[in-house]
PDB file of N, CA and C in Angstrom:
ATOM      1  N   UNK A   1     -50.391  84.983  10.344  1.00  0.00           N
ATOM      2  CA  UNK A   1     -50.020  86.107  11.176  1.00  0.00           C
ATOM      3  C   UNK A   1     -51.287  86.818  11.628  1.00  0.00           C
ATOM      4  N   UNK A   2     -51.376  87.094  12.912  1.00  0.00           N
ATOM      5  CA  UNK A   2     -52.502  87.861  13.417  1.00  0.00           C
ATOM      6  C   UNK A   2     -52.025  89.275  13.700  1.00  0.00           C
ATOM      7  N   UNK A   3     -52.831  90.230  13.308  1.00  0.00           N
ATOM      8  CA  UNK A   3     -52.474  91.628  13.508  1.00  0.00           C
ATOM      9  C   UNK A   3     -53.170  92.163  14.755  1.00  0.00           C
ATOM     10  N   UNK A   4     -52.403  92.791  15.606  1.00  0.00           N
ATOM     11  CA  UNK A   4     -52.973  93.523  16.723  1.00  0.00           C
ATOM     12  C   UNK A   4     -53.235  94.939  16.235  1.00  0.00           C
ATOM     13  N   UNK A   5     -54.099  95.645  16.919  1.00  0.00           N
ATOM     14  CA  UNK A   5     -54.318  97.044  16.573  1.00  0.00           C
ATOM     15  C   UNK A   5     -53.086  97.849  17.018  1.00  0.00           C
ATOM     16  N   UNK A   6     -52.939  99.018  16.434  1.00  0.00           N
ATOM     17  CA  UNK A   6     -51.828  99.889  16.828  1.00  0.00           C
ATOM     18  C   UNK A   6     -51.920 100.204  18.317  1.00  0.00           C
ATOM     19  N   UNK A   7     -53.129 100.430  18.804  1.00  0.00           N
ATOM     20  CA  UNK A   7     -53.303 100.734  20.237  1.00  0.00           C
ATOM     21  C   UNK A   7     -52.854  99.566  21.108  1.00  0.00           C
ATOM     22  N   UNK A   8     -53.184  98.333  20.700  1.00  0.00           N
ATOM     23  CA  UNK A   8     -52.761  97.156  21.470  1.00  0.00           C
ATOM     24  C   UNK A   8     -51.241  97.010  21.448  1.00  0.00           C
ATOM     25  N   UNK A   9     -50.638  97.229  20.278  1.00  0.00           N
ATOM     26  CA  UNK A   9     -49.184  97.135  20.189  1.00  0.00           C
ATOM     27  C   UNK A   9     -48.517  98.191  21.055  1.00  0.00           C
ATOM     28  N   UNK A  10     -49.009  99.423  20.986  1.00  0.00           N
ATOM     29  CA  UNK A  10     -48.425 100.492  21.799  1.00  0.00           C
ATOM     30  C   UNK A  10     -48.546 100.188  23.283  1.00  0.00           C
ATOM     31  N   UNK A  11     -49.678  99.676  23.693  1.00  0.00           N
ATOM     32  CA  UNK A  11     -49.879  99.336  25.095  1.00  0.00           C
ATOM     33  C   UNK A  11     -48.854  98.297  25.548  1.00  0.00           C
ATOM     34  N   UNK A  12     -48.626  97.290  24.725  1.00  0.00           N
ATOM     35  CA  UNK A  12     -47.641  96.265  25.056  1.00  0.00           C
ATOM     36  C   UNK A  12     -46.238  96.829  25.190  1.00  0.00           C
ATOM     37  N   UNK A  13     -45.849  97.699  24.250  1.00  0.00           N
ATOM     38  CA  UNK A  13     -44.512  98.302  24.318  1.00  0.00           C
ATOM     39  C   UNK A  13     -44.382  99.221  25.528  1.00  0.00           C
ATOM     40  N   UNK A  14     -45.421  99.973  25.831  1.00  0.00           N
ATOM     41  CA  UNK A  14     -45.364 100.874  26.993  1.00  0.00           C
ATOM     42  C   UNK A  14     -45.220 100.078  28.282  1.00  0.00           C
ATOM     43  N   UNK A  15     -45.969  98.983  28.396  1.00  0.00           N
ATOM     44  CA  UNK A  15     -45.869  98.151  29.604  1.00  0.00           C
ATOM     45  C   UNK A  15     -44.471  97.560  29.732  1.00  0.00           C
ATOM     46  N   UNK A  16     -43.936  97.036  28.632  1.00  0.00           N
ATOM     47  CA  UNK A  16     -42.586  96.450  28.662  1.00  0.00           C
ATOM     48  C   UNK A  16     -41.557  97.520  29.015  1.00  0.00           C
ATOM     49  N   UNK A  17     -41.691  98.702  28.422  1.00  0.00           N
ATOM     50  CA  UNK A  17     -40.728  99.771  28.687  1.00  0.00           C
ATOM     51  C   UNK A  17     -40.780 100.235  30.137  1.00  0.00           C
ATOM     52  N   UNK A  18     -41.968 100.247  30.742  1.00  0.00           N
ATOM     53  CA  UNK A  18     -42.064 100.592  32.175  1.00  0.00           C
ATOM     54  C   UNK A  18     -41.314  99.565  33.021  1.00  0.00           C
ATOM     55  N   UNK A  19     -41.480  98.289  32.680  1.00  0.00           N
ATOM     56  CA  UNK A  19     -40.770  97.236  33.411  1.00  0.00           C
ATOM     57  C   UNK A  19     -39.257  97.375  33.228  1.00  0.00           C
ATOM     58  N   UNK A  20     -38.839  97.684  32.010  1.00  0.00           N
ATOM     59  CA  UNK A  20     -37.406  97.870  31.758  1.00  0.00           C
ATOM     60  C   UNK A  20     -36.859  99.067  32.527  1.00  0.00           C
ATOM     61  N   UNK A  21     -37.617 100.165  32.555  1.00  0.00           N
ATOM     62  CA  UNK A  21     -37.174 101.350  33.301  1.00  0.00           C
ATOM     63  C   UNK A  21     -36.942 100.988  34.771  1.00  0.00           C
ATOM     64  N   UNK A  22     -37.857 100.237  35.353  1.00  0.00           N
ATOM     65  CA  UNK A  22     -37.716  99.810  36.747  1.00  0.00           C
ATOM     66  C   UNK A  22     -36.448  98.983  36.922  1.00  0.00           C
ATOM     67  N   UNK A  23     -36.202  98.063  35.990  1.00  0.00           N
ATOM     68  CA  UNK A  23     -35.010  97.216  36.065  1.00  0.00           C
ATOM     69  C   UNK A  23     -33.731  98.047  35.918  1.00  0.00           C
ATOM     70  N   UNK A  24     -33.706  99.001  34.995  1.00  0.00           N
ATOM     71  CA  UNK A  24     -32.525  99.859  34.820  1.00  0.00           C
ATOM     72  C   UNK A  24     -32.269 100.681  36.077  1.00  0.00           C
ATOM     73  N   UNK A  25     -33.334 101.196  36.688  1.00  0.00           N
ATOM     74  CA  UNK A  25     -33.177 101.963  37.924  1.00  0.00           C
ATOM     75  C   UNK A  25     -32.623 101.071  39.030  1.00  0.00           C
ATOM     76  N   UNK A  26     -33.132  99.847  39.123  1.00  0.00           N
ATOM     77  CA  UNK A  26     -32.662  98.907  40.145  1.00  0.00           C
ATOM     78  C   UNK A  26     -31.175  98.625  39.962  1.00  0.00           C
ATOM     79  N   UNK A  27     -30.747  98.515  38.710  1.00  0.00           N
ATOM     80  CA  UNK A  27     -29.345  98.214  38.410  1.00  0.00           C
ATOM     81  C   UNK A  27     -28.467  99.464  38.329  1.00  0.00           C
ATOM     82  N   UNK A  28     -29.081 100.627  38.578  1.00  0.00           N
ATOM     83  CA  UNK A  28     -28.379 101.913  38.561  1.00  0.00           C
ATOM     84  C   UNK A  28     -27.695 102.181  37.209  1.00  0.00           C
ATOM     85  N   UNK A  29     -28.412 101.873  36.124  1.00  0.00           N
ATOM     86  CA  UNK A  29     -27.929 102.128  34.768  1.00  0.00           C
ATOM     87  C   UNK A  29     -28.241 103.583  34.405  1.00  0.00           C
ATOM     88  N   UNK A  30     -27.253 104.288  33.864  1.00  0.00           N
ATOM     89  CA  UNK A  30     -27.461 105.671  33.415  1.00  0.00           C
ATOM     90  C   UNK A  30     -28.259 105.636  32.120  1.00  0.00           C
ATOM     91  N   UNK A  31     -29.542 105.946  32.197  1.00  0.00           N
ATOM     92  CA  UNK A  31     -30.413 105.868  31.022  1.00  0.00           C
ATOM     93  C   UNK A  31     -30.238 107.057  30.078  1.00  0.00           C
ATOM     94  N   UNK A  32     -29.435 108.034  30.484  1.00  0.00           N
ATOM     95  CA  UNK A  32     -29.207 109.206  29.634  1.00  0.00           C
ATOM     96  C   UNK A  32     -27.931 109.117  28.816  1.00  0.00           C
ATOM     97  N   UNK A  33     -27.149 108.080  29.043  1.00  0.00           N
ATOM     98  CA  UNK A  33     -25.900 107.882  28.299  1.00  0.00           C
ATOM     99  C   UNK A  33     -26.201 107.205  26.962  1.00  0.00           C
ATOM    100  N   UNK A  34     -25.807 107.811  25.834  1.00  0.00           N
ATOM    101  CA  UNK A  34     -26.032 107.150  24.539  1.00  0.00           C
ATOM    102  C   UNK A  34     -25.290 105.816  24.484  1.00  0.00           C
ATOM    103  N   UNK A  35     -25.952 104.815  23.927  1.00  0.00           N
ATOM    104  CA  UNK A  35     -25.361 103.481  23.790  1.00  0.00           C
ATOM    105  C   UNK A  35     -25.981 102.826  22.564  1.00  0.00           C
ATOM    106  N   UNK A  36     -25.305 101.817  22.010  1.00  0.00           N
ATOM    107  CA  UNK A  36     -25.876 101.111  20.859  1.00  0.00           C
ATOM    108  C   UNK A  36     -27.151 100.352  21.261  1.00  0.00           C
ATOM    109  N   UNK A  37     -28.212 100.587  20.511  1.00  0.00           N
ATOM    110  CA  UNK A  37     -29.492  99.924  20.760  1.00  0.00           C
ATOM    111  C   UNK A  37     -29.976  99.329  19.444  1.00  0.00           C
ATOM    112  N   UNK A  38     -30.470  98.106  19.517  1.00  0.00           N
ATOM    113  CA  UNK A  38     -31.001  97.419  18.346  1.00  0.00           C
ATOM    114  C   UNK A  38     -32.525  97.384  18.420  1.00  0.00           C
ATOM    115  N   UNK A  39     -33.152  97.642  17.277  1.00  0.00           N
ATOM    116  CA  UNK A  39     -34.608  97.646  17.161  1.00  0.00           C
ATOM    117  C   UNK A  39     -35.001  96.522  16.207  1.00  0.00           C
ATOM    118  N   UNK A  40     -35.991  95.717  16.601  1.00  0.00           N
ATOM    119  CA  UNK A  40     -36.341  94.495  15.874  1.00  0.00           C
ATOM    120  C   UNK A  40     -37.742  94.598  15.272  1.00  0.00           C
ATOM    121  N   UNK A  41     -37.843  94.156  14.022  1.00  0.00           N
ATOM    122  CA  UNK A  41     -39.103  94.202  13.281  1.00  0.00           C
ATOM    123  C   UNK A  41     -39.307  92.880  12.543  1.00  0.00           C
ATOM    124  N   UNK A  42     -40.572  92.563  12.255  1.00  0.00           N
ATOM    125  CA  UNK A  42     -40.928  91.414  11.429  1.00  0.00           C
ATOM    126  C   UNK A  42     -41.741  91.912  10.245  1.00  0.00           C
ATOM    127  N   UNK A  43     -41.492  91.300   9.106  1.00  0.00           N
ATOM    128  CA  UNK A  43     -42.223  91.601   7.886  1.00  0.00           C
ATOM    129  C   UNK A  43     -42.551  90.281   7.208  1.00  0.00           C
ATOM    130  N   UNK A  44     -43.443  90.309   6.209  1.00  0.00           N
ATOM    131  CA  UNK A  44     -43.852  89.044   5.601  1.00  0.00           C
ATOM    132  C   UNK A  44     -43.593  88.961   4.099  1.00  0.00           C
ATOM    133  N   UNK A  45     -42.933  89.969   3.549  1.00  0.00           N
ATOM    134  CA  UNK A  45     -42.445  89.877   2.167  1.00  0.00           C
ATOM    135  C   UNK A  45     -41.109  90.597   2.096  1.00  0.00           C
ATOM    136  N   UNK A  46     -40.302  90.204   1.134  1.00  0.00           N
ATOM    137  CA  UNK A  46     -39.017  90.871   0.938  1.00  0.00           C
ATOM    138  C   UNK A  46     -39.234  92.345   0.620  1.00  0.00           C
ATOM    139  N   UNK A  47     -40.231  92.635  -0.195  1.00  0.00           N
ATOM    140  CA  UNK A  47     -40.510  94.022  -0.578  1.00  0.00           C
ATOM    141  C   UNK A  47     -40.837  94.868   0.657  1.00  0.00           C
ATOM    142  N   UNK A  48     -41.739  94.376   1.513  1.00  0.00           N
ATOM    143  CA  UNK A  48     -42.103  95.133   2.716  1.00  0.00           C
ATOM    144  C   UNK A  48     -40.907  95.305   3.652  1.00  0.00           C
ATOM    145  N   UNK A  49     -40.086  94.271   3.758  1.00  0.00           N
ATOM    146  CA  UNK A  49     -38.878  94.370   4.589  1.00  0.00           C
ATOM    147  C   UNK A  49     -37.944  95.448   4.033  1.00  0.00           C
ATOM    148  N   UNK A  50     -37.781  95.465   2.701  1.00  0.00           N
ATOM    149  CA  UNK A  50     -36.902  96.456   2.080  1.00  0.00           C
ATOM    150  C   UNK A  50     -37.448  97.873   2.252  1.00  0.00           C
ATOM    151  N   UNK A  51     -38.755  98.041   2.103  1.00  0.00           N
ATOM    152  CA  UNK A  51     -39.351  99.367   2.289  1.00  0.00           C
ATOM    153  C   UNK A  51     -39.199  99.838   3.737  1.00  0.00           C
ATOM    154  N   UNK A  52     -39.393  98.922   4.678  1.00  0.00           N
ATOM    155  CA  UNK A  52     -39.201  99.262   6.087  1.00  0.00           C
ATOM    156  C   UNK A  52     -37.751  99.648   6.340  1.00  0.00           C
ATOM    157  N   UNK A  53     -36.813  98.866   5.796  1.00  0.00           N
ATOM    158  CA  UNK A  53     -35.393  99.180   5.954  1.00  0.00           C
ATOM    159  C   UNK A  53     -35.058 100.556   5.413  1.00  0.00           C
ATOM    160  N   UNK A  54     -35.607 100.880   4.251  1.00  0.00           N
ATOM    161  CA  UNK A  54     -35.361 102.208   3.666  1.00  0.00           C
ATOM    162  C   UNK A  54     -35.921 103.310   4.567  1.00  0.00           C
ATOM    163  N   UNK A  55     -37.135 103.113   5.077  1.00  0.00           N
ATOM    164  CA  UNK A  55     -37.736 104.123   5.961  1.00  0.00           C
ATOM    165  C   UNK A  55     -36.931 104.302   7.243  1.00  0.00           C
ATOM    166  N   UNK A  56     -36.458 103.201   7.804  1.00  0.00           N
ATOM    167  CA  UNK A  56     -35.633 103.287   9.013  1.00  0.00           C
ATOM    168  C   UNK A  56     -34.329 104.026   8.725  1.00  0.00           C
ATOM    169  N   UNK A  57     -33.705 103.729   7.591  1.00  0.00           N
ATOM    170  CA  UNK A  57     -32.470 104.414   7.191  1.00  0.00           C
ATOM    171  C   UNK A  57     -32.732 105.912   7.051  1.00  0.00           C
ATOM    172  N   UNK A  58     -33.847 106.268   6.435  1.00  0.00           N
ATOM    173  CA  UNK A  58     -34.184 107.684   6.255  1.00  0.00           C
ATOM    174  C   UNK A  58     -34.441 108.383   7.588  1.00  0.00           C
ATOM    175  N   UNK A  59     -34.809 107.621   8.610  1.00  0.00           N
ATOM    176  CA  UNK A  59     -35.007 108.182   9.957  1.00  0.00           C
ATOM    177  C   UNK A  59     -33.687 108.305  10.710  1.00  0.00           C
ATOM    178  N   UNK A  60     -32.590 107.790  10.139  1.00  0.00           N
ATOM    179  CA  UNK A  60     -31.294 107.900  10.787  1.00  0.00           C
ATOM    180  C   UNK A  60     -30.793 106.626  11.427  1.00  0.00           C
ATOM    181  N   UNK A  61     -31.515 105.522  11.247  1.00  0.00           N
ATOM    182  CA  UNK A  61     -31.085 104.242  11.790  1.00  0.00           C
ATOM    183  C   UNK A  61     -30.112 103.573  10.825  1.00  0.00           C
ATOM    184  N   UNK A  62     -29.239 102.747  11.371  1.00  0.00           N
ATOM    185  CA  UNK A  62     -28.368 101.892  10.581  1.00  0.00           C
ATOM    186  C   UNK A  62     -29.074 100.544  10.454  1.00  0.00           C
ATOM    187  N   UNK A  63     -29.376 100.124   9.228  1.00  0.00           N
ATOM    188  CA  UNK A  63     -30.029  98.840   9.028  1.00  0.00           C
ATOM    189  C   UNK A  63     -28.954  97.760   9.107  1.00  0.00           C
ATOM    190  N   UNK A  64     -29.059  96.902  10.101  1.00  0.00           N
ATOM    191  CA  UNK A  64     -28.041  95.881  10.355  1.00  0.00           C
ATOM    192  C   UNK A  64     -28.392  94.529   9.759  1.00  0.00           C
ATOM    193  N   UNK A  65     -29.683  94.279   9.600  1.00  0.00           N
ATOM    194  CA  UNK A  65     -30.099  92.971   9.084  1.00  0.00           C
ATOM    195  C   UNK A  65     -31.419  93.138   8.352  1.00  0.00           C
ATOM    196  N   UNK A  66     -31.488  92.513   7.195  1.00  0.00           N
ATOM    197  CA  UNK A  66     -32.715  92.448   6.427  1.00  0.00           C
ATOM    198  C   UNK A  66     -32.635  91.086   5.735  1.00  0.00           C
ATOM    199  N   UNK A  67     -33.288  90.080   6.319  1.00  0.00           N
ATOM    200  CA  UNK A  67     -33.064  88.714   5.866  1.00  0.00           C
ATOM    201  C   UNK A  67     -34.282  87.836   6.133  1.00  0.00           C
ATOM    202  N   UNK A  68     -34.422  86.776   5.341  1.00  0.00           N
ATOM    203  CA  UNK A  68     -35.492  85.815   5.645  1.00  0.00           C
ATOM    204  C   UNK A  68     -35.303  85.261   7.057  1.00  0.00           C
ATOM    205  N   UNK A  69     -36.415  85.058   7.750  1.00  0.00           N
ATOM    206  CA  UNK A  69     -36.378  84.500   9.107  1.00  0.00           C
ATOM    207  C   UNK A  69     -37.557  83.560   9.278  1.00  0.00           C
ATOM    208  N   UNK A  70     -37.634  82.546   8.419  1.00  0.00           N
ATOM    209  CA  UNK A  70     -38.803  81.660   8.446  1.00  0.00           C
ATOM    210  C   UNK A  70     -38.853  80.807   9.712  1.00  0.00           C
ATOM    211  N   UNK A  71     -40.066  80.492  10.095  1.00  0.00           N
ATOM    212  CA  UNK A  71     -40.308  79.513  11.145  1.00  0.00           C
ATOM    213  C   UNK A  71     -41.275  78.482  10.571  1.00  0.00           C
ATOM    214  N   UNK A  72     -41.462  77.408  11.262  1.00  0.00           N
ATOM    215  CA  UNK A  72     -42.397  76.385  10.784  1.00  0.00           C
ATOM    216  C   UNK A  72     -43.803  76.954  10.639  1.00  0.00           C
ATOM    217  N   UNK A  73     -44.200  77.790  11.601  1.00  0.00           N
ATOM    218  CA  UNK A  73     -45.538  78.391  11.577  1.00  0.00           C
ATOM    219  C   UNK A  73     -45.630  79.602  10.659  1.00  0.00           C
ATOM    220  N   UNK A  74     -44.483  80.164  10.287  1.00  0.00           N
ATOM    221  CA  UNK A  74     -44.473  81.423   9.542  1.00  0.00           C
ATOM    222  C   UNK A  74     -43.358  81.414   8.497  1.00  0.00           C
ATOM    223  N   UNK A  75     -43.512  80.612   7.430  1.00  0.00           N
ATOM    224  CA  UNK A  75     -42.421  80.415   6.473  1.00  0.00           C
ATOM    225  C   UNK A  75     -42.071  81.641   5.628  1.00  0.00           C
ATOM    226  N   UNK A  76     -42.937  82.642   5.597  1.00  0.00           N
ATOM    227  CA  UNK A  76     -42.689  83.833   4.766  1.00  0.00           C
ATOM    228  C   UNK A  76     -42.070  84.997   5.547  1.00  0.00           C
ATOM    229  N   UNK A  77     -41.820  84.809   6.812  1.00  0.00           N
ATOM    230  CA  UNK A  77     -41.374  85.909   7.682  1.00  0.00           C
ATOM    231  C   UNK A  77     -39.977  86.408   7.317  1.00  0.00           C
ATOM    232  N   UNK A  78     -39.791  87.723   7.448  1.00  0.00           N
ATOM    233  CA  UNK A  78     -38.503  88.390   7.267  1.00  0.00           C
ATOM    234  C   UNK A  78     -38.162  89.152   8.537  1.00  0.00           C
ATOM    235  N   UNK A  79     -36.884  89.235   8.855  1.00  0.00           N
ATOM    236  CA  UNK A  79     -36.395  90.007  10.002  1.00  0.00           C
ATOM    237  C   UNK A  79     -35.748  91.288   9.494  1.00  0.00           C
ATOM    238  N   UNK A  80     -36.047  92.371  10.177  1.00  0.00           N
ATOM    239  CA  UNK A  80     -35.380  93.642   9.921  1.00  0.00           C
ATOM    240  C   UNK A  80     -34.865  94.129  11.270  1.00  0.00           C
ATOM    241  N   UNK A  81     -33.563  94.397  11.345  1.00  0.00           N
ATOM    242  CA  UNK A  81     -32.972  94.934  12.570  1.00  0.00           C
ATOM    243  C   UNK A  81     -32.257  96.224  12.225  1.00  0.00           C
ATOM    244  N   UNK A  82     -32.491  97.223  13.049  1.00  0.00           N
ATOM    245  CA  UNK A  82     -31.873  98.526  12.838  1.00  0.00           C
ATOM    246  C   UNK A  82     -31.242  98.979  14.141  1.00  0.00           C
ATOM    247  N   UNK A  83     -30.171  99.733  14.036  1.00  0.00           N
ATOM    248  CA  UNK A  83     -29.479 100.189  15.227  1.00  0.00           C
ATOM    249  C   UNK A  83     -29.339 101.696  15.260  1.00  0.00           C
ATOM    250  N   UNK A  84     -29.161 102.192  16.458  1.00  0.00           N
ATOM    251  CA  UNK A  84     -28.903 103.617  16.668  1.00  0.00           C
ATOM    252  C   UNK A  84     -28.147 103.761  17.978  1.00  0.00           C
ATOM    253  N   UNK A  85     -27.334 104.787  18.071  1.00  0.00           N
ATOM    254  CA  UNK A  85     -26.655 105.086  19.329  1.00  0.00           C
ATOM    255  C   UNK A  85     -27.419 106.228  19.977  1.00  0.00           C
ATOM    256  N   UNK A  86     -28.292 105.849  20.909  1.00  0.00           N
ATOM    257  CA  UNK A  86     -29.166 106.803  21.582  1.00  0.00           C
ATOM    258  C   UNK A  86     -29.254 106.447  23.061  1.00  0.00           C
ATOM    259  N   UNK A  87     -29.728 107.370  23.893  1.00  0.00           N
ATOM    260  CA  UNK A  87     -29.921 107.039  25.310  1.00  0.00           C
ATOM    261  C   UNK A  87     -31.072 106.045  25.500  1.00  0.00           C
ATOM    262  N   UNK A  88     -30.945 105.189  26.490  1.00  0.00           N
ATOM    263  CA  UNK A  88     -32.024 104.269  26.840  1.00  0.00           C
ATOM    264  C   UNK A  88     -33.301 105.061  27.124  1.00  0.00           C
ATOM    265  N   UNK A  89     -33.154 106.233  27.725  1.00  0.00           N
ATOM    266  CA  UNK A  89     -34.329 107.050  28.038  1.00  0.00           C
ATOM    267  C   UNK A  89     -35.160 107.323  26.779  1.00  0.00           C
ATOM    268  N   UNK A  90     -34.498 107.499  25.649  1.00  0.00           N
ATOM    269  CA  UNK A  90     -35.220 107.717  24.399  1.00  0.00           C
ATOM    270  C   UNK A  90     -35.865 106.410  23.927  1.00  0.00           C
ATOM    271  N   UNK A  91     -35.153 105.296  24.061  1.00  0.00           N
ATOM    272  CA  UNK A  91     -35.675 104.001  23.615  1.00  0.00           C
ATOM    273  C   UNK A  91     -36.899 103.575  24.419  1.00  0.00           C
ATOM    274  N   UNK A  92     -36.950 103.911  25.705  1.00  0.00           N
ATOM    275  CA  UNK A  92     -38.096 103.503  26.519  1.00  0.00           C
ATOM    276  C   UNK A  92     -39.201 104.548  26.525  1.00  0.00           C
ATOM    277  N   UNK A  93     -39.005 105.626  25.788  1.00  0.00           N
ATOM    278  CA  UNK A  93     -40.013 106.681  25.734  1.00  0.00           C
ATOM    279  C   UNK A  93     -41.192 106.310  24.847  1.00  0.00           C
ATOM    280  N   UNK A  94     -42.351 106.820  25.206  1.00  0.00           N
ATOM    281  CA  UNK A  94     -43.566 106.557  24.438  1.00  0.00           C
ATOM    282  C   UNK A  94     -43.477 107.110  23.015  1.00  0.00           C
ATOM    283  N   UNK A  95     -42.798 108.245  22.844  1.00  0.00           N
ATOM    284  CA  UNK A  95     -42.750 108.884  21.531  1.00  0.00           C
ATOM    285  C   UNK A  95     -42.083 107.989  20.489  1.00  0.00           C
ATOM    286  N   UNK A  96     -40.923 107.420  20.829  1.00  0.00           N
ATOM    287  CA  UNK A  96     -40.222 106.570  19.870  1.00  0.00           C
ATOM    288  C   UNK A  96     -41.004 105.277  19.631  1.00  0.00           C
ATOM    289  N   UNK A  97     -41.563 104.696  20.667  1.00  0.00           N
ATOM    290  CA  UNK A  97     -42.362 103.468  20.502  1.00  0.00           C
ATOM    291  C   UNK A  97     -43.518 103.724  19.544  1.00  0.00           C
ATOM    292  N   UNK A  98     -44.209 104.823  19.732  1.00  0.00           N
ATOM    293  CA  UNK A  98     -45.348 105.141  18.859  1.00  0.00           C
ATOM    294  C   UNK A  98     -44.884 105.350  17.418  1.00  0.00           C
ATOM    295  N   UNK A  99     -43.788 106.055  17.244  1.00  0.00           N
ATOM    296  CA  UNK A  99     -43.259 106.303  15.901  1.00  0.00           C
ATOM    297  C   UNK A  99     -42.899 104.987  15.204  1.00  0.00           C
ATOM    298  N   UNK A 100     -42.256 104.065  15.923  1.00  0.00           N
ATOM    299  CA  UNK A 100     -41.824 102.809  15.321  1.00  0.00           C
ATOM    300  C   UNK A 100     -42.992 101.855  15.067  1.00  0.00           C
ATOM    301  N   UNK A 101     -43.961 101.825  15.961  1.00  0.00           N
ATOM    302  CA  UNK A 101     -45.150 100.984  15.747  1.00  0.00           C
ATOM    303  C   UNK A 101     -45.904 101.470  14.514  1.00  0.00           C
ATOM    304  N   UNK A 102     -46.075 102.785  14.399  1.00  0.00           N
ATOM    305  CA  UNK A 102     -46.816 103.334  13.252  1.00  0.00           C
ATOM    306  C   UNK A 102     -46.036 103.180  11.951  1.00  0.00           C
ATOM    307  N   UNK A 103     -44.731 103.367  11.992  1.00  0.00           N
ATOM    308  CA  UNK A 103     -43.909 103.170  10.801  1.00  0.00           C
ATOM    309  C   UNK A 103     -44.009 101.721  10.330  1.00  0.00           C
ATOM    310  N   UNK A 104     -43.864 100.782  11.249  1.00  0.00           N
ATOM    311  CA  UNK A 104     -43.952  99.374  10.889  1.00  0.00           C
ATOM    312  C   UNK A 104     -45.322  99.057  10.291  1.00  0.00           C
ATOM    313  N   UNK A 105     -46.385  99.545  10.906  1.00  0.00           N
ATOM    314  CA  UNK A 105     -47.732  99.281  10.399  1.00  0.00           C
ATOM    315  C   UNK A 105     -47.902  99.838   8.983  1.00  0.00           C
ATOM    316  N   UNK A 106     -47.331 101.004   8.726  1.00  0.00           N
ATOM    317  CA  UNK A 106     -47.430 101.611   7.396  1.00  0.00           C
ATOM    318  C   UNK A 106     -46.708 100.786   6.342  1.00  0.00           C
ATOM    319  N   UNK A 107     -45.729 100.001   6.752  1.00  0.00           N
ATOM    320  CA  UNK A 107     -44.951  99.165   5.824  1.00  0.00           C
ATOM    321  C   UNK A 107     -45.351  97.692   5.919  1.00  0.00           C
ATOM    322  N   UNK A 108     -46.543  97.408   6.459  1.00  0.00           N
ATOM    323  CA  UNK A 108     -47.030  96.033   6.623  1.00  0.00           C
ATOM    324  C   UNK A 108     -46.047  95.166   7.401  1.00  0.00           C
ATOM    325  N   UNK A 109     -45.535  95.723   8.481  1.00  0.00           N
ATOM    326  CA  UNK A 109     -44.589  95.022   9.340  1.00  0.00           C
ATOM    327  C   UNK A 109     -45.012  95.230  10.793  1.00  0.00           C
ATOM    328  N   UNK A 110     -44.247  94.640  11.707  1.00  0.00           N
ATOM    329  CA  UNK A 110     -44.521  94.760  13.137  1.00  0.00           C
ATOM    330  C   UNK A 110     -43.226  95.122  13.857  1.00  0.00           C
ATOM    331  N   UNK A 111     -43.298  96.127  14.740  1.00  0.00           N
ATOM    332  CA  UNK A 111     -42.174  96.467  15.617  1.00  0.00           C
ATOM    333  C   UNK A 111     -42.224  95.497  16.788  1.00  0.00           C
ATOM    334  N   UNK A 112     -41.127  94.745  16.976  1.00  0.00           N
ATOM    335  CA  UNK A 112     -41.117  93.697  17.995  1.00  0.00           C
ATOM    336  C   UNK A 112     -40.395  94.115  19.275  1.00  0.00           C
ATOM    337  N   UNK A 113     -39.745  95.273  19.279  1.00  0.00           N
ATOM    338  CA  UNK A 113     -39.070  95.727  20.488  1.00  0.00           C
ATOM    339  C   UNK A 113     -37.615  96.064  20.241  1.00  0.00           C
ATOM    340  N   UNK A 114     -36.904  96.301  21.327  1.00  0.00           N
ATOM    341  CA  UNK A 114     -35.514  96.738  21.233  1.00  0.00           C
ATOM    342  C   UNK A 114     -34.692  96.068  22.319  1.00  0.00           C
ATOM    343  N   UNK A 115     -33.392  96.182  22.171  1.00  0.00           N
ATOM    344  CA  UNK A 115     -32.494  95.619  23.166  1.00  0.00           C
ATOM    345  C   UNK A 115     -31.158  96.325  23.172  1.00  0.00           C
ATOM    346  N   UNK A 116     -30.468  96.215  24.295  1.00  0.00           N
ATOM    347  CA  UNK A 116     -29.134  96.796  24.436  1.00  0.00           C
ATOM    348  C   UNK A 116     -28.385  96.040  25.525  1.00  0.00           C
ATOM    349  N   UNK A 117     -27.090  96.138  25.509  1.00  0.00           N
ATOM    350  CA  UNK A 117     -26.268  95.542  26.575  1.00  0.00           C
ATOM    351  C   UNK A 117     -26.129  96.550  27.703  1.00  0.00           C
ATOM    352  N   UNK A 118     -26.192  96.056  28.936  1.00  0.00           N
ATOM    353  CA  UNK A 118     -25.978  96.932  30.093  1.00  0.00           C
ATOM    354  C   UNK A 118     -24.934  96.331  30.994  1.00  0.00           C
TER     355      UNK A 118
END
């Protein structure tokens, strides 16, 4: 596993979120309407995944998945998925991205992004 700096990770999320905002505007999606959103993380030990799950729960997220997710290149990987019913505007905001990137880094994990149905 290669670690990017927090600044590099934040830059990537901000760029992706700008692209998503443009797409939502094009599709005339109400970004202020609360909807179920899933947030995806990767961890490399069960302990780190569990600590991340606990921290997400304490922040008000519902932890939906905490399970091994090995790949051929990364046999120790764990997936953590958490959900919240919030507006897309909050999910694409810099504040939440920064909070999740820093939380993941503190728990030796990586915030991989979010998704929702539109």
